[in-house]
C-alpha cells in the first residue's frame, strides 16, 4: 500500500517501554517543516490531546492545521485545529440529489434538526457568520459564510452528517435559503 500511494515509511523504535517515541519524532518533523517555511498547512491524524500544544504553535506561525480523529477525540485538540474532521464520516458519499434535509437516510448519520438547534455553540457560530457576511438586507453568500466560519472555529459539516454546509444550514430550519445561478444565499429567518 505504501508504494501504491507513494508514502515514505519511517521506522521509529521505542527507546524505553511506554514512552511516546513516535509522537516526539512527529513533533520534531513538524517543527522542522514549519521552520523551513515550505508548507502552508499541516494534517494531524490523531485522537491524542497531547498534540494540542503542537497545533497551537503551528497556528501562531500562520499555517493551518487540519485535524482528523475519531469521535472520542478530546475537545481541546478538536477546538485547537483550524478544521477538524471525524474519520468516521470520511469516504462516505452522499448523492447530490439527497442533500436536502427531507431526503431519506444516507450513509452519513445526520444530526437531526432538534439537536442542531439545541447546539448553542453551533447556532451562535452560524448566525454570527451569516451576520458578518450578510449585506444590508441580511442575505449572505454561503461561500462567504463558510469562509467566516473557517476563520473563527474548527468546523466541518460532515461531523454533523452533512456532505455540504448548505445541507446542514437548511436542516437547522433557522435560515432562509435562496439558490441562484451564481450561488447559494442564506439569511437568518428571524430577520424577515
N, C-alpha and C. Protein backbone atom coordinates (compact mmCIF):
# COMPACT_ATOMS: atom_id res chain seq x y z
N UNK A 1 0.83 -1.20 0.00
CA UNK A 1 0.00 0.00 0.00
C UNK A 1 0.87 1.25 0.00
N UNK A 2 2.00 1.22 0.69
CA UNK A 2 2.87 2.38 0.73
C UNK A 2 3.35 2.76 -0.67
N UNK A 3 3.72 1.77 -1.48
CA UNK A 3 4.18 2.04 -2.84
C UNK A 3 3.05 2.59 -3.70
N UNK A 4 1.87 2.01 -3.57
CA UNK A 4 0.72 2.44 -4.36
C UNK A 4 0.41 3.92 -4.16
N UNK A 5 0.52 4.39 -2.92
CA UNK A 5 0.18 5.78 -2.61
C UNK A 5 1.41 6.67 -2.41
N UNK A 6 2.58 6.18 -2.82
CA UNK A 6 3.83 6.95 -2.75
C UNK A 6 4.07 7.53 -1.36
N UNK A 7 3.92 6.69 -0.35
CA UNK A 7 4.16 7.09 1.04
C UNK A 7 5.52 6.55 1.47
N UNK A 8 6.33 7.44 2.04
CA UNK A 8 7.65 7.04 2.51
C UNK A 8 7.51 6.55 3.96
N UNK A 9 7.81 5.29 4.22
CA UNK A 9 7.69 4.78 5.59
C UNK A 9 8.84 5.30 6.46
N UNK A 10 8.56 5.49 7.73
CA UNK A 10 9.57 5.89 8.69
C UNK A 10 9.52 4.93 9.86
N UNK A 11 10.64 4.34 10.18
CA UNK A 11 10.72 3.41 11.31
C UNK A 11 11.08 4.20 12.57
N UNK A 12 10.34 4.01 13.64
CA UNK A 12 10.65 4.66 14.91
C UNK A 12 10.68 3.59 15.99
N UNK A 13 11.80 3.47 16.66
CA UNK A 13 11.96 2.48 17.71
C UNK A 13 11.61 3.10 19.06
N UNK A 14 11.01 2.31 19.93
CA UNK A 14 10.80 2.73 21.32
C UNK A 14 12.13 2.60 22.05
N UNK A 15 12.58 3.70 22.61
CA UNK A 15 13.84 3.65 23.36
C UNK A 15 13.61 3.19 24.79
N UNK A 16 12.38 3.32 25.25
CA UNK A 16 12.00 2.77 26.55
C UNK A 16 10.52 2.44 26.50
N UNK A 17 10.09 1.48 27.28
CA UNK A 17 8.72 1.00 27.23
C UNK A 17 7.73 2.06 27.71
N UNK A 18 6.62 2.19 26.97
CA UNK A 18 5.54 3.08 27.38
C UNK A 18 5.77 4.54 27.08
N UNK A 19 6.81 4.89 26.36
CA UNK A 19 7.09 6.30 26.05
C UNK A 19 6.52 6.65 24.69
N UNK A 20 6.51 7.93 24.38
CA UNK A 20 5.92 8.45 23.15
C UNK A 20 6.98 8.72 22.09
N UNK A 21 7.78 7.76 21.75
CA UNK A 21 8.86 7.96 20.78
C UNK A 21 8.33 8.42 19.43
N UNK A 22 7.26 7.82 18.95
CA UNK A 22 6.69 8.22 17.66
C UNK A 22 6.13 9.62 17.72
N UNK A 23 5.44 9.95 18.80
CA UNK A 23 4.89 11.30 18.96
C UNK A 23 5.99 12.35 18.94
N UNK A 24 7.07 12.08 19.65
CA UNK A 24 8.18 13.02 19.71
C UNK A 24 8.81 13.20 18.33
N UNK A 25 8.98 12.11 17.60
CA UNK A 25 9.56 12.19 16.27
C UNK A 25 8.66 13.01 15.34
N UNK A 26 7.34 12.83 15.46
CA UNK A 26 6.40 13.58 14.63
C UNK A 26 6.48 15.07 14.95
N UNK A 27 6.58 15.42 16.22
CA UNK A 27 6.67 16.82 16.61
C UNK A 27 7.94 17.45 16.06
N UNK A 28 9.05 16.74 16.16
CA UNK A 28 10.32 17.26 15.63
C UNK A 28 10.21 17.48 14.12
N UNK A 29 9.65 16.49 13.41
CA UNK A 29 9.47 16.64 11.96
C UNK A 29 8.57 17.82 11.63
N UNK A 30 7.48 17.98 12.38
CA UNK A 30 6.55 19.09 12.14
C UNK A 30 7.24 20.43 12.36
N UNK A 31 8.03 20.55 13.42
CA UNK A 31 8.73 21.80 13.68
C UNK A 31 9.77 22.09 12.61
N UNK A 32 10.46 21.05 12.13
CA UNK A 32 11.41 21.23 11.02
C UNK A 32 10.70 21.77 9.78
N UNK A 33 9.56 21.18 9.44
CA UNK A 33 8.79 21.64 8.28
C UNK A 33 8.29 23.07 8.48
N UNK A 34 7.82 23.36 9.68
CA UNK A 34 7.30 24.69 9.98
C UNK A 34 8.39 25.74 9.78
N UNK A 35 9.57 25.49 10.30
CA UNK A 35 10.65 26.48 10.22
C UNK A 35 11.32 26.52 8.86
N UNK A 36 11.14 25.48 8.05
CA UNK A 36 11.66 25.51 6.68
C UNK A 36 10.80 26.44 5.82
N UNK A 37 9.55 26.69 6.27
CA UNK A 37 8.66 27.59 5.54
C UNK A 37 8.18 27.04 4.22
N UNK A 38 8.20 25.75 4.06
CA UNK A 38 7.84 25.15 2.78
C UNK A 38 6.41 24.64 2.70
N UNK A 39 5.63 24.79 3.77
CA UNK A 39 4.25 24.30 3.76
C UNK A 39 3.29 25.38 4.27
N UNK A 40 2.06 25.32 3.79
CA UNK A 40 1.02 26.26 4.22
C UNK A 40 0.11 25.67 5.28
N UNK A 41 0.13 24.34 5.40
CA UNK A 41 -0.76 23.69 6.34
C UNK A 41 -0.25 22.32 6.73
N UNK A 42 -0.81 21.83 7.82
CA UNK A 42 -0.44 20.53 8.37
C UNK A 42 -1.70 19.71 8.59
N UNK A 43 -1.59 18.40 8.43
CA UNK A 43 -2.66 17.49 8.79
C UNK A 43 -2.16 16.64 9.95
N UNK A 44 -2.92 16.63 11.03
CA UNK A 44 -2.56 15.82 12.19
C UNK A 44 -3.67 14.79 12.37
N UNK A 45 -3.34 13.54 12.16
CA UNK A 45 -4.30 12.46 12.29
C UNK A 45 -4.05 11.79 13.63
N UNK A 46 -4.87 12.13 14.60
CA UNK A 46 -4.66 11.63 15.95
C UNK A 46 -5.88 11.91 16.80
N UNK A 47 -6.05 11.14 17.82
CA UNK A 47 -7.09 11.41 18.81
C UNK A 47 -6.45 11.77 20.14
N UNK A 48 -5.19 12.18 20.09
CA UNK A 48 -4.40 12.43 21.29
C UNK A 48 -4.30 13.92 21.57
N UNK A 49 -4.84 14.35 22.69
CA UNK A 49 -4.81 15.77 23.07
C UNK A 49 -3.39 16.25 23.35
N UNK A 50 -2.43 15.34 23.47
CA UNK A 50 -1.04 15.76 23.68
C UNK A 50 -0.51 16.56 22.49
N UNK A 51 -1.16 16.46 21.33
CA UNK A 51 -0.74 17.23 20.17
C UNK A 51 -1.29 18.66 20.16
N UNK A 52 -2.12 19.01 21.12
CA UNK A 52 -2.72 20.35 21.17
C UNK A 52 -1.67 21.45 21.20
N UNK A 53 -0.62 21.37 22.04
CA UNK A 53 0.40 22.43 22.01
C UNK A 53 1.09 22.56 20.65
N UNK A 54 1.30 21.44 19.96
CA UNK A 54 1.89 21.50 18.63
C UNK A 54 0.97 22.26 17.68
N UNK A 55 -0.31 21.94 17.72
CA UNK A 55 -1.28 22.62 16.86
C UNK A 55 -1.27 24.13 17.15
N UNK A 56 -1.30 24.49 18.41
CA UNK A 56 -1.32 25.90 18.77
C UNK A 56 -0.04 26.61 18.31
N UNK A 57 1.09 25.94 18.39
CA UNK A 57 2.36 26.53 17.95
C UNK A 57 2.37 26.73 16.45
N UNK A 58 1.88 25.76 15.70
CA UNK A 58 1.82 25.88 14.24
C UNK A 58 0.91 27.04 13.85
N UNK A 59 -0.22 27.17 14.53
CA UNK A 59 -1.16 28.26 14.23
C UNK A 59 -0.53 29.63 14.44
N UNK A 60 0.34 29.76 15.45
CA UNK A 60 0.96 31.07 15.71
C UNK A 60 1.86 31.50 14.56
N UNK A 61 2.30 30.55 13.73
CA UNK A 61 3.13 30.87 12.57
C UNK A 61 2.27 31.15 11.33
N UNK A 62 0.94 31.10 11.48
CA UNK A 62 0.05 31.41 10.37
C UNK A 62 -0.30 30.25 9.47
N UNK A 63 0.12 29.06 9.81
CA UNK A 63 -0.22 27.88 9.00
C UNK A 63 -1.52 27.28 9.52
N UNK A 64 -2.26 26.66 8.64
CA UNK A 64 -3.49 25.97 9.01
C UNK A 64 -3.17 24.57 9.53
N UNK A 65 -4.02 24.08 10.42
CA UNK A 65 -3.87 22.72 10.92
C UNK A 65 -5.20 22.00 10.74
N UNK A 66 -5.16 20.94 9.96
CA UNK A 66 -6.35 20.13 9.70
C UNK A 66 -6.23 18.87 10.54
N UNK A 67 -7.13 18.72 11.49
CA UNK A 67 -7.11 17.58 12.37
C UNK A 67 -8.08 16.51 11.91
N UNK A 68 -7.70 15.27 12.12
CA UNK A 68 -8.55 14.12 11.78
C UNK A 68 -8.47 13.15 12.94
N UNK A 69 -9.61 12.69 13.42
CA UNK A 69 -9.60 11.73 14.51
C UNK A 69 -10.97 11.13 14.72
N UNK A 70 -11.06 10.25 15.69
CA UNK A 70 -12.32 9.59 15.98
C UNK A 70 -13.21 10.47 16.87
N UNK A 71 -14.45 10.07 17.01
CA UNK A 71 -15.41 10.86 17.78
C UNK A 71 -15.01 11.03 19.24
N UNK A 72 -14.20 10.14 19.78
CA UNK A 72 -13.80 10.28 21.19
C UNK A 72 -12.58 11.18 21.35
N UNK A 73 -12.15 11.86 20.29
CA UNK A 73 -11.01 12.78 20.38
C UNK A 73 -11.34 13.88 21.38
N UNK A 74 -10.42 14.21 22.28
CA UNK A 74 -10.67 15.25 23.28
C UNK A 74 -10.95 16.62 22.65
N UNK A 75 -11.89 17.33 23.27
CA UNK A 75 -12.35 18.61 22.75
C UNK A 75 -11.25 19.66 22.60
N UNK A 76 -10.28 19.77 23.53
CA UNK A 76 -9.23 20.78 23.34
C UNK A 76 -8.46 20.61 22.02
N UNK A 77 -8.18 19.37 21.65
CA UNK A 77 -7.48 19.13 20.38
C UNK A 77 -8.37 19.52 19.21
N UNK A 78 -9.63 19.14 19.26
CA UNK A 78 -10.58 19.47 18.19
C UNK A 78 -10.67 20.98 18.02
N UNK A 79 -10.86 21.69 19.11
CA UNK A 79 -11.04 23.14 19.06
C UNK A 79 -9.78 23.88 18.64
N UNK A 80 -8.62 23.30 18.89
CA UNK A 80 -7.37 23.96 18.52
C UNK A 80 -7.15 23.94 17.02
N UNK A 81 -7.63 22.93 16.33
CA UNK A 81 -7.40 22.78 14.89
C UNK A 81 -8.15 23.83 14.09
N UNK A 82 -7.59 24.21 12.94
CA UNK A 82 -8.28 25.12 12.02
C UNK A 82 -9.56 24.47 11.55
N UNK A 83 -9.48 23.18 11.29
CA UNK A 83 -10.64 22.39 10.89
C UNK A 83 -10.41 20.98 11.39
N UNK A 84 -11.43 20.39 11.99
CA UNK A 84 -11.31 19.02 12.47
C UNK A 84 -12.40 18.18 11.84
N UNK A 85 -12.03 17.01 11.36
CA UNK A 85 -12.97 16.10 10.71
C UNK A 85 -12.91 14.75 11.39
N UNK A 86 -14.07 14.23 11.73
CA UNK A 86 -14.14 12.88 12.30
C UNK A 86 -13.92 11.87 11.19
N UNK A 87 -13.02 10.93 11.41
CA UNK A 87 -12.69 9.96 10.37
C UNK A 87 -13.86 9.04 10.06
N UNK A 88 -14.78 8.90 10.98
CA UNK A 88 -15.94 8.03 10.71
C UNK A 88 -16.79 8.57 9.56
N UNK A 89 -16.72 9.86 9.28
CA UNK A 89 -17.51 10.45 8.21
C UNK A 89 -16.80 10.51 6.87
N UNK A 90 -15.54 10.12 6.83
CA UNK A 90 -14.78 10.18 5.59
C UNK A 90 -15.07 8.97 4.72
N UNK A 91 -15.04 9.19 3.42
CA UNK A 91 -15.21 8.09 2.49
C UNK A 91 -16.65 7.71 2.27
N UNK A 92 -17.58 8.33 2.98
CA UNK A 92 -19.00 8.03 2.80
C UNK A 92 -19.57 9.10 1.88
N UNK A 93 -20.13 8.67 0.79
CA UNK A 93 -20.63 9.63 -0.18
C UNK A 93 -22.14 9.79 -0.06
N UNK A 94 -22.57 11.00 -0.33
CA UNK A 94 -23.99 11.31 -0.34
C UNK A 94 -24.33 11.78 -1.74
N UNK A 95 -25.21 11.10 -2.44
CA UNK A 95 -25.59 11.55 -3.77
C UNK A 95 -26.11 12.97 -3.72
N UNK A 96 -25.80 13.76 -4.76
CA UNK A 96 -26.19 15.17 -4.80
C UNK A 96 -27.69 15.36 -4.60
N UNK A 97 -28.49 14.49 -5.15
CA UNK A 97 -29.95 14.65 -5.05
C UNK A 97 -30.48 14.30 -3.67
N UNK A 98 -29.60 13.90 -2.74
CA UNK A 98 -30.05 13.55 -1.40
C UNK A 98 -29.54 14.54 -0.36
N UNK A 99 -29.08 15.73 -0.78
CA UNK A 99 -28.51 16.69 0.15
C UNK A 99 -29.58 17.49 0.90
N UNK A 100 -30.83 17.48 0.42
CA UNK A 100 -31.86 18.25 1.10
C UNK A 100 -32.24 17.60 2.42
N UNK A 101 -32.69 18.42 3.40
CA UNK A 101 -32.99 17.87 4.72
C UNK A 101 -34.10 16.84 4.74
N UNK A 102 -34.98 16.85 3.73
CA UNK A 102 -36.07 15.89 3.76
C UNK A 102 -35.72 14.58 3.05
N UNK A 103 -34.46 14.43 2.66
CA UNK A 103 -34.02 13.22 1.95
C UNK A 103 -34.07 12.01 2.86
N UNK A 104 -34.13 10.83 2.29
CA UNK A 104 -34.04 9.62 3.10
C UNK A 104 -32.68 9.51 3.77
N UNK A 105 -32.56 8.61 4.72
CA UNK A 105 -31.31 8.43 5.44
C UNK A 105 -30.23 8.00 4.45
N UNK A 106 -29.04 8.59 4.59
CA UNK A 106 -27.93 8.27 3.70
C UNK A 106 -26.84 7.60 4.50
N UNK A 107 -25.68 7.42 3.85
CA UNK A 107 -24.55 6.78 4.51
C UNK A 107 -24.08 7.60 5.71
N UNK A 108 -24.20 8.92 5.65
CA UNK A 108 -23.81 9.76 6.77
C UNK A 108 -24.93 9.76 7.82
N UNK A 109 -24.55 9.67 9.07
CA UNK A 109 -25.54 9.73 10.14
C UNK A 109 -25.78 11.19 10.46
N UNK A 110 -26.91 11.69 10.03
CA UNK A 110 -27.21 13.11 10.18
C UNK A 110 -27.73 13.44 11.57
N UNK A 111 -27.25 14.54 12.08
CA UNK A 111 -27.74 15.05 13.35
C UNK A 111 -29.12 15.65 13.05
N UNK A 112 -30.15 15.26 13.78
CA UNK A 112 -31.49 15.78 13.49
C UNK A 112 -31.63 17.26 13.84
N UNK A 113 -32.67 17.88 13.26
CA UNK A 113 -32.89 19.31 13.41
C UNK A 113 -32.92 19.76 14.87
N UNK A 114 -33.61 19.03 15.70
CA UNK A 114 -33.73 19.42 17.11
C UNK A 114 -32.36 19.49 17.79
N UNK A 115 -31.49 18.52 17.48
CA UNK A 115 -30.15 18.52 18.06
C UNK A 115 -29.30 19.65 17.49
N UNK A 116 -29.43 19.91 16.19
CA UNK A 116 -28.69 21.02 15.59
C UNK A 116 -29.09 22.33 16.26
N UNK A 117 -30.39 22.53 16.41
CA UNK A 117 -30.89 23.76 17.05
C UNK A 117 -30.50 23.86 18.51
N UNK A 118 -30.36 22.70 19.17
CA UNK A 118 -30.01 22.68 20.58
C UNK A 118 -28.53 22.88 20.85
N UNK A 119 -27.71 22.86 19.80
CA UNK A 119 -26.27 23.07 19.93
C UNK A 119 -26.02 24.58 19.90
N UNK A 120 -26.01 25.20 21.09
CA UNK A 120 -25.90 26.66 21.20
C UNK A 120 -24.64 27.19 20.52
N UNK A 121 -23.55 26.47 20.65
CA UNK A 121 -22.29 26.92 20.04
C UNK A 121 -22.41 26.94 18.51
N UNK A 122 -22.99 25.89 17.95
CA UNK A 122 -23.18 25.81 16.50
C UNK A 122 -24.10 26.92 16.01
N UNK A 123 -25.23 27.09 16.67
CA UNK A 123 -26.20 28.10 16.25
C UNK A 123 -25.58 29.50 16.31
N UNK A 124 -24.87 29.79 17.39
CA UNK A 124 -24.23 31.10 17.53
C UNK A 124 -23.20 31.31 16.43
N UNK A 125 -22.40 30.28 16.14
CA UNK A 125 -21.39 30.37 15.11
C UNK A 125 -22.02 30.63 13.74
N UNK A 126 -23.08 29.89 13.41
CA UNK A 126 -23.75 30.08 12.12
C UNK A 126 -24.37 31.46 12.01
N UNK A 127 -25.09 31.88 13.04
CA UNK A 127 -25.74 33.19 13.00
C UNK A 127 -24.71 34.32 12.92
N UNK A 128 -23.62 34.19 13.66
CA UNK A 128 -22.57 35.22 13.62
C UNK A 128 -21.94 35.30 12.23
N UNK A 129 -21.69 34.15 11.62
CA UNK A 129 -21.08 34.13 10.30
C UNK A 129 -22.02 34.71 9.24
N UNK A 130 -23.30 34.36 9.32
CA UNK A 130 -24.28 34.91 8.37
C UNK A 130 -24.39 36.42 8.56
N UNK A 131 -24.41 36.88 9.80
CA UNK A 131 -24.48 38.31 10.07
C UNK A 131 -23.25 39.03 9.54
N UNK A 132 -22.07 38.47 9.76
CA UNK A 132 -20.83 39.11 9.32
C UNK A 132 -20.70 39.14 7.80
N UNK A 133 -21.20 38.10 7.13
CA UNK A 133 -21.06 38.02 5.67
C UNK A 133 -22.23 38.66 4.94
N UNK A 134 -23.31 38.97 5.66
CA UNK A 134 -24.52 39.47 5.03
C UNK A 134 -24.49 40.93 4.64
N UNK A 135 -25.33 41.25 3.68
CA UNK A 135 -25.49 42.63 3.26
C UNK A 135 -26.54 43.32 4.13
N UNK A 136 -26.91 44.52 3.73
CA UNK A 136 -27.90 45.27 4.49
C UNK A 136 -29.24 44.56 4.58
N UNK A 137 -29.56 43.77 3.55
CA UNK A 137 -30.82 43.04 3.54
C UNK A 137 -30.74 41.73 4.33
N UNK A 138 -29.56 41.42 4.86
CA UNK A 138 -29.39 40.22 5.67
C UNK A 138 -28.99 38.99 4.88
N UNK A 139 -29.06 39.02 3.57
CA UNK A 139 -28.69 37.87 2.75
C UNK A 139 -27.17 37.78 2.63
N UNK A 140 -26.65 36.58 2.80
CA UNK A 140 -25.20 36.35 2.71
C UNK A 140 -24.92 35.20 1.76
N UNK A 141 -23.89 35.35 0.95
CA UNK A 141 -23.45 34.26 0.09
C UNK A 141 -22.91 33.15 0.98
N UNK A 142 -23.36 31.93 0.76
CA UNK A 142 -22.96 30.83 1.63
C UNK A 142 -21.46 30.58 1.58
N UNK A 143 -20.82 30.85 0.45
CA UNK A 143 -19.36 30.70 0.38
C UNK A 143 -18.68 31.65 1.35
N UNK A 144 -19.18 32.88 1.44
CA UNK A 144 -18.62 33.86 2.38
C UNK A 144 -18.90 33.45 3.82
N UNK A 145 -20.06 32.85 4.05
CA UNK A 145 -20.40 32.35 5.39
C UNK A 145 -19.42 31.24 5.78
N UNK A 146 -19.15 30.33 4.86
CA UNK A 146 -18.19 29.26 5.12
C UNK A 146 -16.81 29.80 5.42
N UNK A 147 -16.42 30.86 4.72
CA UNK A 147 -15.12 31.49 4.96
C UNK A 147 -15.09 32.12 6.36
N UNK A 148 -16.16 32.78 6.75
CA UNK A 148 -16.24 33.38 8.09
C UNK A 148 -16.12 32.31 9.17
N UNK A 149 -16.82 31.20 8.97
CA UNK A 149 -16.77 30.11 9.95
C UNK A 149 -15.35 29.56 10.04
N UNK A 150 -14.71 29.39 8.90
CA UNK A 150 -13.35 28.87 8.88
C UNK A 150 -12.37 29.76 9.62
N UNK A 151 -12.67 31.05 9.68
CA UNK A 151 -11.80 31.99 10.39
C UNK A 151 -12.01 31.98 11.90
N UNK A 152 -13.13 31.45 12.36
CA UNK A 152 -13.41 31.56 13.79
C UNK A 152 -13.48 30.24 14.54
N UNK A 153 -13.54 29.11 13.83
CA UNK A 153 -13.71 27.85 14.55
C UNK A 153 -13.29 26.66 13.71
N UNK A 154 -13.04 25.57 14.40
CA UNK A 154 -12.81 24.29 13.73
C UNK A 154 -14.20 23.75 13.38
N UNK A 155 -14.46 23.56 12.10
CA UNK A 155 -15.81 23.18 11.69
C UNK A 155 -15.76 22.37 10.41
N UNK A 156 -16.55 21.32 10.37
CA UNK A 156 -16.72 20.52 9.17
C UNK A 156 -18.15 19.97 9.20
N UNK A 157 -18.98 20.30 8.22
CA UNK A 157 -20.37 19.83 8.24
C UNK A 157 -20.49 18.31 8.25
N UNK A 158 -19.46 17.61 7.79
CA UNK A 158 -19.50 16.14 7.81
C UNK A 158 -19.56 15.62 9.23
N UNK A 159 -19.06 16.41 10.19
CA UNK A 159 -19.12 15.99 11.59
C UNK A 159 -20.57 15.96 12.09
N UNK A 160 -21.46 16.62 11.37
CA UNK A 160 -22.89 16.63 11.71
C UNK A 160 -23.69 15.74 10.76
N UNK A 161 -22.99 15.06 9.85
CA UNK A 161 -23.65 14.14 8.93
C UNK A 161 -24.07 14.75 7.62
N UNK A 162 -23.55 15.93 7.28
CA UNK A 162 -23.92 16.61 6.04
C UNK A 162 -22.70 16.79 5.17
N UNK A 163 -22.83 16.41 3.91
CA UNK A 163 -21.70 16.50 2.99
C UNK A 163 -21.33 17.95 2.70
N UNK A 164 -22.31 18.84 2.78
CA UNK A 164 -22.07 20.25 2.45
C UNK A 164 -22.68 21.15 3.51
N UNK A 165 -22.12 22.33 3.63
CA UNK A 165 -22.62 23.34 4.56
C UNK A 165 -24.06 23.70 4.22
N UNK A 166 -24.41 23.78 2.94
CA UNK A 166 -25.76 24.16 2.55
C UNK A 166 -26.81 23.20 3.11
N UNK A 167 -26.54 21.91 3.06
CA UNK A 167 -27.48 20.92 3.58
C UNK A 167 -27.66 21.05 5.08
N UNK A 168 -26.57 21.32 5.79
CA UNK A 168 -26.66 21.46 7.24
C UNK A 168 -27.40 22.74 7.63
N UNK A 169 -27.11 23.83 6.92
CA UNK A 169 -27.79 25.10 7.21
C UNK A 169 -29.29 24.95 6.99
N UNK A 170 -29.67 24.30 5.89
CA UNK A 170 -31.09 24.07 5.63
C UNK A 170 -31.72 23.20 6.71
N UNK A 171 -30.99 22.18 7.14
CA UNK A 171 -31.52 21.24 8.13
C UNK A 171 -31.81 21.90 9.47
N UNK A 172 -31.12 22.98 9.79
CA UNK A 172 -31.38 23.65 11.07
C UNK A 172 -32.77 24.28 11.09
N UNK A 173 -33.24 24.69 9.92
CA UNK A 173 -34.52 25.38 9.85
C UNK A 173 -34.47 26.80 10.39
N UNK A 174 -33.26 27.30 10.65
CA UNK A 174 -33.09 28.63 11.24
C UNK A 174 -32.79 29.71 10.20
N UNK A 175 -32.64 29.29 8.95
CA UNK A 175 -32.24 30.23 7.91
C UNK A 175 -33.11 30.08 6.67
N UNK A 176 -33.36 31.20 6.01
CA UNK A 176 -33.97 31.18 4.69
C UNK A 176 -32.85 30.88 3.71
N UNK A 177 -33.12 30.05 2.71
CA UNK A 177 -32.11 29.68 1.73
C UNK A 177 -32.64 30.01 0.34
N UNK A 178 -31.78 30.66 -0.44
CA UNK A 178 -32.16 31.07 -1.80
C UNK A 178 -31.05 30.59 -2.74
N UNK A 179 -31.40 29.71 -3.68
CA UNK A 179 -30.41 29.22 -4.65
C UNK A 179 -30.57 30.04 -5.92
N UNK A 180 -29.41 30.55 -6.39
CA UNK A 180 -29.40 31.31 -7.63
C UNK A 180 -28.29 30.75 -8.52
N UNK A 181 -28.27 31.18 -9.75
CA UNK A 181 -27.27 30.65 -10.68
C UNK A 181 -25.84 30.97 -10.23
N UNK A 182 -25.66 32.04 -9.48
CA UNK A 182 -24.32 32.42 -9.05
C UNK A 182 -24.07 32.13 -7.57
N UNK A 183 -24.82 31.20 -7.01
CA UNK A 183 -24.51 30.78 -5.65
C UNK A 183 -25.73 30.54 -4.78
N UNK A 184 -25.45 30.13 -3.56
CA UNK A 184 -26.49 29.90 -2.56
C UNK A 184 -26.39 31.04 -1.55
N UNK A 185 -27.54 31.62 -1.21
CA UNK A 185 -27.59 32.73 -0.26
C UNK A 185 -28.46 32.33 0.93
N UNK A 186 -28.07 32.78 2.11
CA UNK A 186 -28.80 32.47 3.32
C UNK A 186 -29.05 33.73 4.12
N UNK A 187 -30.14 33.67 4.92
CA UNK A 187 -30.49 34.79 5.80
C UNK A 187 -31.12 34.23 7.06
N UNK A 188 -30.75 34.78 8.19
CA UNK A 188 -31.36 34.39 9.46
C UNK A 188 -32.86 34.62 9.34
N UNK A 189 -33.66 33.57 9.55
CA UNK A 189 -35.10 33.73 9.33
C UNK A 189 -35.79 34.54 10.42
N UNK A 190 -35.06 34.96 11.44
CA UNK A 190 -35.61 35.90 12.44
C UNK A 190 -35.66 37.30 11.88
N UNK A 191 -34.99 37.53 10.75
CA UNK A 191 -34.83 38.86 10.20
C UNK A 191 -35.90 39.24 9.16
N UNK A 192 -36.91 38.46 8.98
CA UNK A 192 -37.94 38.72 7.96
C UNK A 192 -38.61 40.05 8.13
